[in-house]
C-alpha atoms as a PDB file:
ATOM      1  CA  MET A   1     -38.820  35.551 -13.315  1.00  0.00           C
ATOM      2  CA  THR A   2     -37.056  32.747 -11.493  1.00  0.00           C
ATOM      3  CA  PRO A   3     -37.430  29.309 -13.262  1.00  0.00           C
ATOM      4  CA  PRO A   4     -39.080  26.540 -11.249  1.00  0.00           C
ATOM      5  CA  PRO A   5     -36.650  24.011  -9.636  1.00  0.00           C
ATOM      6  CA  ALA A   6     -35.769  21.027 -11.704  1.00  0.00           C
ATOM      7  CA  SER A   7     -37.684  17.859 -11.192  1.00  0.00           C
ATOM      8  CA  PRO A   8     -35.524  15.074  -9.641  1.00  0.00           C
ATOM      9  CA  HIS A   9     -36.683  12.788 -12.341  1.00  0.00           C
ATOM     10  CA  GLY A  10     -36.718  15.294 -15.224  1.00  0.00           C
ATOM     11  CA  THR A  11     -39.561  16.248 -17.404  1.00  0.00           C
ATOM     12  CA  PRO A  12     -40.393  16.143 -21.079  1.00  0.00           C
ATOM     13  CA  ASP A  13     -39.579  19.925 -21.385  1.00  0.00           C
ATOM     14  CA  ALA A  14     -36.341  19.557 -19.252  1.00  0.00           C
ATOM     15  CA  PRO A  15     -34.882  15.924 -19.526  1.00  0.00           C
ATOM     16  CA  LEU A  16     -32.472  14.940 -16.624  1.00  0.00           C
ATOM     17  CA  LEU A  17     -29.107  13.424 -17.453  1.00  0.00           C
ATOM     18  CA  THR A  18     -26.926  11.816 -14.681  1.00  0.00           C
ATOM     19  CA  VAL A  19     -23.332  10.925 -15.447  1.00  0.00           C
ATOM     20  CA  ARG A  20     -20.195   9.986 -13.419  1.00  0.00           C
ATOM     21  CA  GLY A  21     -16.714  11.239 -13.934  1.00  0.00           C
ATOM     22  CA  GLU A  22     -13.557   9.524 -12.762  1.00  0.00           C
ATOM     23  CA  ALA A  23      -9.879  10.448 -12.706  1.00  0.00           C
ATOM     24  CA  GLU A  24      -6.713   9.029 -11.339  1.00  0.00           C
ATOM     25  CA  ILE A  25      -3.249  10.663 -11.203  1.00  0.00           C
ATOM     26  CA  ASP A  26      -0.035   8.804 -10.537  1.00  0.00           C
ATOM     27  CA  THR A  27       2.499  11.025  -8.555  1.00  0.00           C
ATOM     28  CA  GLU A  28       5.449  10.789  -6.437  1.00  0.00           C
ATOM     29  CA  PRO A  29       4.959  10.789  -2.496  1.00  0.00           C
ATOM     30  CA  GLU A  30       5.949  13.794  -0.557  1.00  0.00           C
ATOM     31  CA  ILE A  31       6.160  12.464   2.990  1.00  0.00           C
ATOM     32  CA  ALA A  32       7.317   9.224   4.479  1.00  0.00           C
ATOM     33  CA  ARG A  33       6.150   8.509   8.084  1.00  0.00           C
ATOM     34  CA  ILE A  34       7.749   5.964  10.263  1.00  0.00           C
ATOM     35  CA  GLY A  35       6.727   4.722  13.820  1.00  0.00           C
ATOM     36  CA  VAL A  36       9.466   4.059  16.390  1.00  0.00           C
ATOM     37  CA  THR A  37       8.558   2.109  19.456  1.00  0.00           C
ATOM     38  CA  LEU A  38      10.981   2.077  22.417  1.00  0.00           C
ATOM     39  CA  THR A  39      10.742  -0.512  25.310  1.00  0.00           C
ATOM     40  CA  ALA A  40      12.362  -1.304  28.613  1.00  0.00           C
ATOM     41  CA  ARG A  41      11.933  -4.125  31.121  1.00  0.00           C
ATOM     42  CA  GLY A  42      13.293  -4.613  34.451  1.00  0.00           C
ATOM     43  CA  ARG A  43      12.673  -5.723  38.096  1.00  0.00           C
ATOM     44  CA  ASP A  44      13.029  -2.314  39.557  1.00  0.00           C
ATOM     45  CA  ARG A  45      10.486   0.285  38.552  1.00  0.00           C
ATOM     46  CA  ARG A  46      12.953   3.281  38.652  1.00  0.00           C
ATOM     47  CA  THR A  47      15.553   1.464  36.751  1.00  0.00           C
ATOM     48  CA  THR A  48      13.006   0.494  34.126  1.00  0.00           C
ATOM     49  CA  LEU A  49      11.973   4.083  33.751  1.00  0.00           C
ATOM     50  CA  ASP A  50      15.523   5.385  33.561  1.00  0.00           C
ATOM     51  CA  ASP A  51      16.258   2.906  30.823  1.00  0.00           C
ATOM     52  CA  LEU A  52      13.233   3.942  28.870  1.00  0.00           C
ATOM     53  CA  THR A  53      14.059   7.581  29.259  1.00  0.00           C
ATOM     54  CA  ARG A  54      17.593   7.074  28.138  1.00  0.00           C
ATOM     55  CA  ARG A  55      16.535   5.132  25.077  1.00  0.00           C
ATOM     56  CA  ASN A  56      13.912   7.811  24.265  1.00  0.00           C
ATOM     57  CA  THR A  57      16.425  10.504  24.503  1.00  0.00           C
ATOM     58  CA  ALA A  58      18.903   8.621  22.171  1.00  0.00           C
ATOM     59  CA  ALA A  59      16.217   8.119  19.568  1.00  0.00           C
ATOM     60  CA  LEU A  60      15.135  11.733  19.703  1.00  0.00           C
ATOM     61  CA  ASP A  61      18.672  12.948  19.454  1.00  0.00           C
ATOM     62  CA  LEU A  62      19.258  10.724  16.341  1.00  0.00           C
ATOM     63  CA  ILE A  63      16.078  11.714  14.588  1.00  0.00           C
ATOM     64  CA  LYS A  64      16.755  15.464  15.286  1.00  0.00           C
ATOM     65  CA  SER A  65      20.294  15.224  13.980  1.00  0.00           C
ATOM     66  CA  TYR A  66      18.724  14.884  10.456  1.00  0.00           C
ATOM     67  CA  GLY A  67      17.648  18.466  10.668  1.00  0.00           C
ATOM     68  CA  ASP A  68      15.292  19.721   7.898  1.00  0.00           C
ATOM     69  CA  ALA A  69      14.948  16.185   6.509  1.00  0.00           C
ATOM     70  CA  VAL A  70      12.629  15.470   9.431  1.00  0.00           C
ATOM     71  CA  GLU A  71       9.530  17.630   8.920  1.00  0.00           C
ATOM     72  CA  HIS A  72       7.578  16.586  12.021  1.00  0.00           C
ATOM     73  CA  LEU A  73       8.395  14.584  15.165  1.00  0.00           C
ATOM     74  CA  THR A  74       5.775  13.655  17.872  1.00  0.00           C
ATOM     75  CA  THR A  75       6.167  11.629  21.064  1.00  0.00           C
ATOM     76  CA  GLY A  76       3.428   9.612  22.444  1.00  0.00           C
ATOM     77  CA  ALA A  77       2.418   8.919  25.993  1.00  0.00           C
ATOM     78  CA  VAL A  78       4.849   6.948  28.180  1.00  0.00           C
ATOM     79  CA  SER A  79       3.517   3.736  29.610  1.00  0.00           C
ATOM     80  CA  LEU A  80       5.063   1.836  32.626  1.00  0.00           C
ATOM     81  CA  ALA A  81       3.064  -1.234  33.844  1.00  0.00           C
ATOM     82  CA  PRO A  82       3.979  -3.918  36.408  1.00  0.00           C
ATOM     83  CA  GLU A  83       3.856  -7.649  35.487  1.00  0.00           C
ATOM     84  CA  LEU A  84       2.434  -9.783  38.339  1.00  0.00           C
ATOM     85  CA  THR A  85       3.734 -13.180  39.244  1.00  0.00           C
ATOM     86  CA  PRO A  86       1.218 -15.573  37.687  1.00  0.00           C
ATOM     87  CA  HIS A  87       1.227 -17.925  40.619  1.00  0.00           C
ATOM     88  CA  GLY A  88       1.376 -17.485  44.306  1.00  0.00           C
ATOM     89  CA  ARG A  89      -0.473 -15.452  46.920  1.00  0.00           C
ATOM     90  CA  GLY A  90      -0.819 -11.753  46.785  1.00  0.00           C
ATOM     91  CA  GLU A  91       0.133  -9.090  44.319  1.00  0.00           C
ATOM     92  CA  ARG A  92       3.778  -9.774  43.837  1.00  0.00           C
ATOM     93  CA  VAL A  93       5.433  -7.771  40.895  1.00  0.00           C
ATOM     94  CA  ARG A  94       7.766  -9.821  38.766  1.00  0.00           C
ATOM     95  CA  SER A  95       8.883  -7.122  36.502  1.00  0.00           C
ATOM     96  CA  HIS A  96       8.056  -3.708  34.988  1.00  0.00           C
ATOM     97  CA  HIS A  97       7.409  -2.976  31.295  1.00  0.00           C
ATOM     98  CA  GLY A  98       7.880   0.454  29.808  1.00  0.00           C
ATOM     99  CA  ARG A  99       7.072   1.694  26.308  1.00  0.00           C
ATOM    100  CA  VAL A 100       7.022   4.993  24.391  1.00  0.00           C
ATOM    101  CA  HIS A 101       6.153   5.612  20.796  1.00  0.00           C
ATOM    102  CA  LEU A 102       7.568   8.230  18.358  1.00  0.00           C
ATOM    103  CA  THR A 103       6.324   9.270  15.002  1.00  0.00           C
ATOM    104  CA  ALA A 104       8.681  10.997  12.559  1.00  0.00           C
ATOM    105  CA  GLU A 105       7.725  12.419   9.083  1.00  0.00           C
ATOM    106  CA  LEU A 106      10.489  12.793   6.495  1.00  0.00           C
ATOM    107  CA  THR A 107      10.592  14.714   3.276  1.00  0.00           C
ATOM    108  CA  ASP A 108      14.164  13.616   2.389  1.00  0.00           C
ATOM    109  CA  PHE A 109      13.903  10.126   1.158  1.00  0.00           C
ATOM    110  CA  THR A 110      17.660   9.722   0.792  1.00  0.00           C
ATOM    111  CA  ALA A 111      18.069  10.109   4.553  1.00  0.00           C
ATOM    112  CA  LEU A 112      15.136   7.846   5.272  1.00  0.00           C
ATOM    113  CA  ALA A 113      16.836   4.448   4.726  1.00  0.00           C
ATOM    114  CA  GLU A 114      20.009   5.560   6.729  1.00  0.00           C
ATOM    115  CA  LEU A 115      17.937   7.003   9.707  1.00  0.00           C
ATOM    116  CA  THR A 116      15.690   3.821   9.652  1.00  0.00           C
ATOM    117  CA  THR A 117      18.704   1.526   9.853  1.00  0.00           C
ATOM    118  CA  ARG A 118      20.382   3.528  12.646  1.00  0.00           C
ATOM    119  CA  LEU A 119      17.057   3.619  14.663  1.00  0.00           C
ATOM    120  CA  ALA A 120      16.659  -0.135  14.285  1.00  0.00           C
ATOM    121  CA  ASP A 121      20.089  -0.684  15.686  1.00  0.00           C
ATOM    122  CA  LEU A 122      19.166   1.039  18.877  1.00  0.00           C
ATOM    123  CA  GLU A 123      18.600  -1.128  21.968  1.00  0.00           C
ATOM    124  CA  LEU A 124      15.035  -2.776  22.230  1.00  0.00           C
ATOM    125  CA  THR A 125      13.665  -0.469  19.350  1.00  0.00           C
ATOM    126  CA  ARG A 126      11.074  -1.388  16.898  1.00  0.00           C
ATOM    127  CA  ILE A 127      10.449   0.402  13.573  1.00  0.00           C
ATOM    128  CA  ASP A 128       7.183   0.331  11.568  1.00  0.00           C
ATOM    129  CA  GLY A 129       6.551   1.725   8.149  1.00  0.00           C
ATOM    130  CA  PRO A 130       7.190   3.776   6.053  1.00  0.00           C
ATOM    131  CA  TRP A 131       3.844   5.029   5.227  1.00  0.00           C
ATOM    132  CA  TRP A 132       3.928   7.210   2.055  1.00  0.00           C
ATOM    133  CA  SER A 133       1.675  10.221   1.509  1.00  0.00           C
ATOM    134  CA  LEU A 134       1.263  13.703   0.112  1.00  0.00           C
ATOM    135  CA  ARG A 135       1.382  16.893   2.082  1.00  0.00           C
ATOM    136  CA  PRO A 136      -1.841  18.068   3.387  1.00  0.00           C
ATOM    137  CA  ASP A 137      -1.820  21.147   1.158  1.00  0.00           C
ATOM    138  CA  SER A 138      -0.698  19.143  -1.942  1.00  0.00           C
ATOM    139  CA  PRO A 139      -2.543  20.397  -5.232  1.00  0.00           C
ATOM    140  CA  VAL A 140      -2.670  16.912  -6.691  1.00  0.00           C
ATOM    141  CA  PRO A 141      -6.053  15.751  -5.065  1.00  0.00           C
ATOM    142  CA  ALA A 142      -7.583  19.030  -6.226  1.00  0.00           C
ATOM    143  CA  ARG A 143      -6.237  18.347  -9.627  1.00  0.00           C
ATOM    144  CA  ALA A 144      -7.744  14.898  -9.631  1.00  0.00           C
ATOM    145  CA  ARG A 145     -11.152  16.246  -8.688  1.00  0.00           C
ATOM    146  CA  ARG A 146     -11.124  18.943 -11.453  1.00  0.00           C
ATOM    147  CA  GLN A 147     -10.218  16.144 -13.972  1.00  0.00           C
ATOM    148  CA  ALA A 148     -13.184  13.996 -12.666  1.00  0.00           C
ATOM    149  CA  VAL A 149     -15.511  17.024 -13.132  1.00  0.00           C
ATOM    150  CA  HIS A 150     -14.270  17.689 -16.607  1.00  0.00           C
ATOM    151  CA  GLU A 151     -14.776  13.911 -17.402  1.00  0.00           C
ATOM    152  CA  ALA A 152     -18.239  14.054 -16.243  1.00  0.00           C
ATOM    153  CA  LEU A 153     -19.084  17.132 -18.437  1.00  0.00           C
ATOM    154  CA  ARG A 154     -17.454  15.560 -21.404  1.00  0.00           C
ATOM    155  CA  ARG A 155     -19.501  12.511 -21.074  1.00  0.00           C
ATOM    156  CA  ALA A 156     -22.774  14.529 -20.467  1.00  0.00           C
ATOM    157  CA  ARG A 157     -22.063  16.564 -23.637  1.00  0.00           C
ATOM    158  CA  GLU A 158     -21.531  13.346 -25.584  1.00  0.00           C
ATOM    159  CA  TYR A 159     -24.902  11.905 -24.347  1.00  0.00           C
ATOM    160  CA  ALA A 160     -26.626  15.180 -25.155  1.00  0.00           C
ATOM    161  CA  ASP A 161     -25.138  15.345 -28.617  1.00  0.00           C
ATOM    162  CA  ALA A 162     -26.145  11.726 -29.224  1.00  0.00           C
ATOM    163  CA  LEU A 163     -29.762  12.773 -28.469  1.00  0.00           C
ATOM    164  CA  GLY A 164     -29.429  15.727 -30.822  1.00  0.00           C
ATOM    165  CA  THR A 165     -29.581  18.260 -28.027  1.00  0.00           C
ATOM    166  CA  THR A 166     -27.458  20.308 -25.673  1.00  0.00           C
ATOM    167  CA  LEU A 167     -27.081  20.734 -21.925  1.00  0.00           C
ATOM    168  CA  ALA A 168     -29.142  23.459 -20.278  1.00  0.00           C
ATOM    169  CA  ALA A 169     -28.015  23.581 -16.679  1.00  0.00           C
ATOM    170  CA  LEU A 170     -26.158  21.787 -13.901  1.00  0.00           C
ATOM    171  CA  VAL A 171     -28.650  20.431 -11.334  1.00  0.00           C
ATOM    172  CA  GLU A 172     -26.311  18.689  -8.861  1.00  0.00           C
ATOM    173  CA  LEU A 173     -22.697  17.791  -8.477  1.00  0.00           C
ATOM    174  CA  ALA A 174     -21.813  15.147  -5.865  1.00  0.00           C
ATOM    175  CA  ASP A 175     -18.321  13.829  -4.759  1.00  0.00           C
ATOM    176  CA  THR A 176     -18.912  10.072  -4.758  1.00  0.00           C
ATOM    177  CA  GLY A 177     -15.382   8.863  -4.312  1.00  0.00           C
ATOM    178  CA  ALA A 178     -12.952  10.066  -1.518  1.00  0.00           C
ATOM    179  CA  ASP A 179      -9.313  10.755  -2.535  1.00  0.00           C
ATOM    180  CA  HIS A 180      -7.314   7.678  -2.091  1.00  0.00           C
ATOM    181  CA  THR A 181      -3.536   6.784  -2.304  1.00  0.00           C
ATOM    182  CA  ARG A 182      -2.155   3.419  -2.914  1.00  0.00           C
ATOM    183  CA  PRO A 183       0.114   1.948  -2.009  1.00  0.00           C
ATOM    184  CA  GLY A 184      -0.003   3.440   1.413  1.00  0.00           C
ATOM    185  CA  ARG A 185       2.546   1.443   3.182  1.00  0.00           C
ATOM    186  CA  THR A 186       5.660  -0.412   2.474  1.00  0.00           C
ATOM    187  CA  PRO A 187       6.146  -3.343   4.811  1.00  0.00           C
ATOM    188  CA  PHE A 188       9.224  -2.776   7.036  1.00  0.00           C
ATOM    189  CA  GLU A 189       9.724  -3.908  10.592  1.00  0.00           C
ATOM    190  CA  ARG A 190      12.816  -4.587  12.659  1.00  0.00           C
ATOM    191  CA  GLY A 191      13.154  -5.364  16.412  1.00  0.00           C
ATOM    192  CA  GLY A 192      16.301  -3.656  17.239  1.00  0.00           C
ATOM    193  CA  HIS A 193      18.786  -6.195  15.757  1.00  0.00           C
ATOM    194  CA  ARG A 194      20.293  -6.874  12.442  1.00  0.00           C
ATOM    195  CA  THR A 195      18.318  -9.992  11.372  1.00  0.00           C
ATOM    196  CA  ALA A 196      19.439 -11.242   8.011  1.00  0.00           C
ATOM    197  CA  LEU A 197      20.505  -7.700   6.891  1.00  0.00           C
ATOM    198  CA  ALA A 198      24.110  -8.237   7.780  1.00  0.00           C
ATOM    199  CA  HIS A 199      26.533 -10.551   9.532  1.00  0.00           C
ATOM    200  CA  PRO A 200      26.147 -10.253  13.400  1.00  0.00           C
ATOM    201  CA  ASP A 201      29.680  -8.849  13.616  1.00  0.00           C
ATOM    202  CA  GLU A 202      29.124  -6.342  10.814  1.00  0.00           C
ATOM    203  CA  PRO A 203      27.176  -3.144  10.721  1.00  0.00           C
ATOM    204  CA  ALA A 204      23.830  -3.371   8.959  1.00  0.00           C
ATOM    205  CA  PRO A 205      23.886  -1.708   5.466  1.00  0.00           C
ATOM    206  CA  PRO A 206      21.533   1.133   4.715  1.00  0.00           C
ATOM    207  CA  LEU A 207      18.111  -0.149   3.583  1.00  0.00           C
ATOM    208  CA  ASP A 208      16.929   0.563  -0.030  1.00  0.00           C
ATOM    209  CA  LEU A 209      13.552   2.143   0.651  1.00  0.00           C
ATOM    210  CA  GLU A 210      12.509   3.242  -2.859  1.00  0.00           C
ATOM    211  CA  PRO A 211       9.412   5.466  -2.649  1.00  0.00           C
ATOM    212  CA  PRO A 212       6.512   4.010  -4.627  1.00  0.00           C
ATOM    213  CA  ARG A 213       4.329   6.067  -6.943  1.00  0.00           C
ATOM    214  CA  LEU A 214       0.982   7.044  -5.371  1.00  0.00           C
ATOM    215  CA  ARG A 215      -2.291   6.727  -7.219  1.00  0.00           C
ATOM    216  CA  ILE A 216      -4.732   9.612  -6.363  1.00  0.00           C
ATOM    217  CA  GLY A 217      -8.205   9.112  -7.489  1.00  0.00           C
ATOM    218  CA  ALA A 218     -11.517  11.143  -7.524  1.00  0.00           C
ATOM    219  CA  GLN A 219     -15.124  10.328  -8.521  1.00  0.00           C
ATOM    220  CA  VAL A 220     -18.080  12.591  -9.051  1.00  0.00           C
ATOM    221  CA  SER A 221     -21.642  12.351 -10.026  1.00  0.00           C
ATOM    222  CA  ALA A 222     -23.197  15.126 -12.001  1.00  0.00           C
ATOM    223  CA  GLN A 223     -26.876  15.813 -12.999  1.00  0.00           C
ATOM    224  CA  PHE A 224     -27.756  18.109 -15.869  1.00  0.00           C
ATOM    225  CA  THR A 225     -30.932  19.281 -17.409  1.00  0.00           C
ATOM    226  CA  MET A 226     -31.134  19.109 -21.148  1.00  0.00           C
ATOM    227  CA  ARG A 227     -32.972  21.076 -23.786  1.00  0.00           C
ATOM    228  CA  PRO A 228     -35.729  19.096 -25.289  1.00  0.00           C
ATOM    229  CA  PRO A 229     -34.526  17.080 -28.291  1.00  0.00           C
ATOM    230  CA  ALA A 230     -35.701  18.394 -31.706  1.00  0.00           C
ATOM    231  CA  VAL A 231     -38.416  16.252 -33.105  1.00  0.00           C
END
């Protein structure tokens, strides 16, 4: 015979116990992601587009030269927009602005600082990042969730033992906290020139981008029925 469903508030014959479980794991990042924005500006539309194409090709060739250190490389949409003269009659174009954005994901952090420095030395190039993360298939978040479940079960057993009884059945298990990583970003931004990293007449030294440790967390809520405490 199938037992009746547990009451959401528990009953004297099947007291309900609700506990939370939490876990955090510190781990090394597996991926560093940087954003590369290339720009061009000129009076002539064709010349501006040619300049942007040339800079985009140079950045792509540089990133691809790092081979297996770059796990993923994507190119965003190209934009080319006219800038009109603020005063005067008619729609007179003063200049054209072009922009394209690249995103690169690296797994070799030794190459990251060198590549970032070389990219930032390119003409009219802006670098953002890096953002640190784990691989999508990393086992670490799953390990944190398992630890959170084990913590909830341990606490539930302790409460039941304090009441002189034992757990009967699991009623509900809910994931109450999404996996999180922190820190997620190391501030870094350069506008295509050396700016305080080296003397203007000297090449910029490689940046020291030490990967931070990530903290992966998980939270669960669990409900158990308990056997009635002995009187």
